[in-house]
Amino acid sequence: MRFIALLCLLGIVPLAASADVVHLANGDRVTGELVSMDGSAVVIDSAWGGTLHIEREAVRSIDTDEA
C-alpha cells in the first residue's frame, strides 16, 4: 500500500514543479502552462478550465518555471 502511495506522489510532483502560476488581483491563482502574454491579456492553459484569456488588469503577478 505504501508503495502505491509513493508512486502516486512521485507522479504528481513533476506536474507541480513544471507549472506556471498566474496570481490574480482578487487573490485567486490559476495554475497551468503559460501560452502567451502581451499588454492586454495573459493566456494560460489549465487542466481544470482549459485555455483561459485573462485581462492584464486582473493579473497581479506571474510565476513561471523558465529561468
N, C-alpha and C. Protein backbone atom coordinates (compact mmCIF):
# COMPACT_ATOMS: atom_id res chain seq x y z
N MET A 1 0.82 -1.20 0.00
CA MET A 1 0.00 0.00 0.00
C MET A 1 0.87 1.26 0.00
N ARG A 2 1.93 1.27 0.79
CA ARG A 2 2.82 2.43 0.83
C ARG A 2 3.49 2.64 -0.52
N PHE A 3 3.80 1.53 -1.18
CA PHE A 3 4.44 1.62 -2.49
C PHE A 3 3.53 2.32 -3.50
N ILE A 4 2.26 1.99 -3.48
CA ILE A 4 1.29 2.63 -4.39
C ILE A 4 1.16 4.11 -4.06
N ALA A 5 1.11 4.45 -2.78
CA ALA A 5 1.02 5.86 -2.39
C ALA A 5 2.26 6.62 -2.84
N LEU A 6 3.43 6.00 -2.71
CA LEU A 6 4.67 6.64 -3.14
C LEU A 6 4.68 6.87 -4.64
N LEU A 7 4.21 5.89 -5.40
CA LEU A 7 4.14 6.05 -6.86
C LEU A 7 3.20 7.19 -7.25
N CYS A 8 2.08 7.28 -6.57
CA CYS A 8 1.14 8.37 -6.85
C CYS A 8 1.77 9.72 -6.54
N LEU A 9 2.45 9.81 -5.42
CA LEU A 9 3.10 11.06 -5.03
C LEU A 9 4.17 11.45 -6.03
N LEU A 10 4.98 10.50 -6.46
CA LEU A 10 6.03 10.78 -7.43
C LEU A 10 5.46 11.19 -8.78
N GLY A 11 4.29 10.72 -9.12
CA GLY A 11 3.65 11.10 -10.36
C GLY A 11 3.11 12.52 -10.32
N ILE A 12 2.75 12.99 -9.15
CA ILE A 12 2.18 14.34 -9.01
C ILE A 12 3.27 15.40 -8.91
N VAL A 13 4.35 15.13 -8.25
CA VAL A 13 5.40 16.12 -8.01
C VAL A 13 5.95 16.73 -9.28
N PRO A 14 6.27 15.97 -10.34
CA PRO A 14 6.78 16.62 -11.56
C PRO A 14 5.79 17.57 -12.19
N LEU A 15 4.50 17.27 -12.09
CA LEU A 15 3.49 18.18 -12.65
C LEU A 15 3.49 19.50 -11.91
N ALA A 16 3.57 19.45 -10.61
CA ALA A 16 3.55 20.67 -9.82
C ALA A 16 4.83 21.49 -10.05
N ALA A 17 5.93 20.83 -10.26
CA ALA A 17 7.20 21.53 -10.42
C ALA A 17 7.30 22.26 -11.75
N SER A 18 6.54 21.83 -12.75
CA SER A 18 6.65 22.43 -14.07
C SER A 18 5.50 23.37 -14.40
N ALA A 19 4.73 23.77 -13.41
CA ALA A 19 3.56 24.59 -13.66
C ALA A 19 3.87 26.08 -13.54
N ASP A 20 3.18 26.86 -14.36
CA ASP A 20 3.21 28.31 -14.25
C ASP A 20 2.01 28.72 -13.40
N VAL A 21 2.13 29.83 -12.69
CA VAL A 21 1.04 30.30 -11.82
C VAL A 21 0.77 31.76 -12.12
N VAL A 22 -0.49 32.07 -12.41
CA VAL A 22 -0.93 33.45 -12.59
C VAL A 22 -1.68 33.84 -11.32
N HIS A 23 -1.17 34.85 -10.62
CA HIS A 23 -1.80 35.35 -9.40
C HIS A 23 -2.72 36.50 -9.79
N LEU A 24 -3.97 36.39 -9.43
CA LEU A 24 -4.97 37.39 -9.82
C LEU A 24 -5.12 38.47 -8.75
N ALA A 25 -5.61 39.61 -9.16
CA ALA A 25 -5.78 40.75 -8.26
C ALA A 25 -6.75 40.44 -7.12
N ASN A 26 -7.70 39.53 -7.35
CA ASN A 26 -8.67 39.20 -6.31
C ASN A 26 -8.17 38.13 -5.34
N GLY A 27 -6.91 37.68 -5.49
CA GLY A 27 -6.33 36.69 -4.60
C GLY A 27 -6.34 35.27 -5.13
N ASP A 28 -7.09 35.00 -6.19
CA ASP A 28 -7.12 33.67 -6.78
C ASP A 28 -5.83 33.38 -7.52
N ARG A 29 -5.60 32.10 -7.81
CA ARG A 29 -4.45 31.66 -8.60
C ARG A 29 -4.94 30.74 -9.70
N VAL A 30 -4.30 30.81 -10.85
CA VAL A 30 -4.56 29.89 -11.95
C VAL A 30 -3.24 29.19 -12.25
N THR A 31 -3.25 27.86 -12.18
CA THR A 31 -2.05 27.07 -12.42
C THR A 31 -2.19 26.35 -13.75
N GLY A 32 -1.12 26.34 -14.53
CA GLY A 32 -1.14 25.66 -15.82
C GLY A 32 0.09 26.01 -16.62
N GLU A 33 -0.04 25.95 -17.94
CA GLU A 33 1.07 26.29 -18.83
C GLU A 33 0.79 27.64 -19.47
N LEU A 34 1.70 28.59 -19.24
CA LEU A 34 1.56 29.92 -19.82
C LEU A 34 1.74 29.82 -21.33
N VAL A 35 0.72 30.22 -22.08
CA VAL A 35 0.74 30.13 -23.54
C VAL A 35 1.30 31.41 -24.14
N SER A 36 0.79 32.55 -23.69
CA SER A 36 1.26 33.84 -24.20
C SER A 36 0.83 34.95 -23.25
N MET A 37 1.48 36.11 -23.44
CA MET A 37 1.06 37.30 -22.70
C MET A 37 1.51 38.52 -23.48
N ASP A 38 0.69 39.55 -23.40
CA ASP A 38 1.03 40.82 -24.02
C ASP A 38 0.46 41.93 -23.14
N GLY A 39 0.40 43.12 -23.64
CA GLY A 39 -0.07 44.25 -22.84
C GLY A 39 -1.53 44.21 -22.48
N SER A 40 -2.32 43.37 -23.16
CA SER A 40 -3.75 43.36 -22.89
C SER A 40 -4.26 42.09 -22.22
N ALA A 41 -3.56 40.96 -22.38
CA ALA A 41 -4.08 39.70 -21.83
C ALA A 41 -2.96 38.69 -21.57
N VAL A 42 -3.28 37.76 -20.67
CA VAL A 42 -2.44 36.60 -20.39
C VAL A 42 -3.26 35.38 -20.78
N VAL A 43 -2.64 34.44 -21.48
CA VAL A 43 -3.32 33.21 -21.88
C VAL A 43 -2.62 32.06 -21.20
N ILE A 44 -3.37 31.27 -20.43
CA ILE A 44 -2.83 30.12 -19.72
C ILE A 44 -3.71 28.90 -19.97
N ASP A 45 -3.07 27.76 -20.20
CA ASP A 45 -3.79 26.51 -20.43
C ASP A 45 -3.81 25.75 -19.10
N SER A 46 -4.98 25.66 -18.48
CA SER A 46 -5.09 24.99 -17.18
C SER A 46 -5.79 23.64 -17.36
N ALA A 47 -5.47 22.71 -16.47
CA ALA A 47 -6.07 21.38 -16.54
C ALA A 47 -7.56 21.42 -16.25
N TRP A 48 -8.01 22.27 -15.36
CA TRP A 48 -9.41 22.28 -14.96
C TRP A 48 -10.28 23.22 -15.79
N GLY A 49 -9.71 24.26 -16.37
CA GLY A 49 -10.53 25.24 -17.08
C GLY A 49 -10.21 25.40 -18.54
N GLY A 50 -9.30 24.58 -19.05
CA GLY A 50 -8.91 24.71 -20.46
C GLY A 50 -8.07 25.96 -20.66
N THR A 51 -8.15 26.53 -21.84
CA THR A 51 -7.39 27.73 -22.16
C THR A 51 -8.16 28.96 -21.69
N LEU A 52 -7.51 29.74 -20.83
CA LEU A 52 -8.14 30.93 -20.26
C LEU A 52 -7.44 32.19 -20.75
N HIS A 53 -8.23 33.19 -21.16
CA HIS A 53 -7.72 34.51 -21.55
C HIS A 53 -8.07 35.45 -20.40
N ILE A 54 -7.04 35.99 -19.74
CA ILE A 54 -7.24 36.83 -18.56
C ILE A 54 -6.74 38.23 -18.87
N GLU A 55 -7.60 39.23 -18.66
CA GLU A 55 -7.20 40.62 -18.90
C GLU A 55 -6.07 41.00 -17.96
N ARG A 56 -5.11 41.79 -18.47
CA ARG A 56 -3.94 42.17 -17.68
C ARG A 56 -4.32 42.92 -16.40
N GLU A 57 -5.40 43.68 -16.43
CA GLU A 57 -5.83 44.42 -15.24
C GLU A 57 -6.16 43.48 -14.09
N ALA A 58 -6.55 42.24 -14.40
CA ALA A 58 -6.92 41.26 -13.37
C ALA A 58 -5.72 40.48 -12.85
N VAL A 59 -4.54 40.67 -13.45
CA VAL A 59 -3.34 39.91 -13.08
C VAL A 59 -2.47 40.73 -12.13
N ARG A 60 -2.16 40.14 -10.95
CA ARG A 60 -1.24 40.78 -10.01
C ARG A 60 0.20 40.42 -10.33
N SER A 61 0.47 39.11 -10.57
CA SER A 61 1.82 38.67 -10.89
C SER A 61 1.77 37.31 -11.58
N ILE A 62 2.93 36.93 -12.15
CA ILE A 62 3.04 35.65 -12.85
C ILE A 62 4.34 34.98 -12.42
N ASP A 63 4.24 33.72 -11.99
CA ASP A 63 5.41 32.92 -11.68
C ASP A 63 5.55 31.86 -12.76
N THR A 64 6.71 31.81 -13.40
CA THR A 64 6.95 30.80 -14.43
C THR A 64 8.09 29.89 -14.01
N ASP A 65 8.15 28.74 -14.63
CA ASP A 65 9.23 27.80 -14.33
C ASP A 65 10.42 27.99 -15.26
N GLU A 66 10.38 29.02 -16.10
CA GLU A 66 11.50 29.29 -17.00
C GLU A 66 12.57 30.09 -16.27
N ALA A 67 13.81 29.82 -16.60
CA ALA A 67 14.93 30.51 -15.94
C ALA A 67 15.10 31.92 -16.47
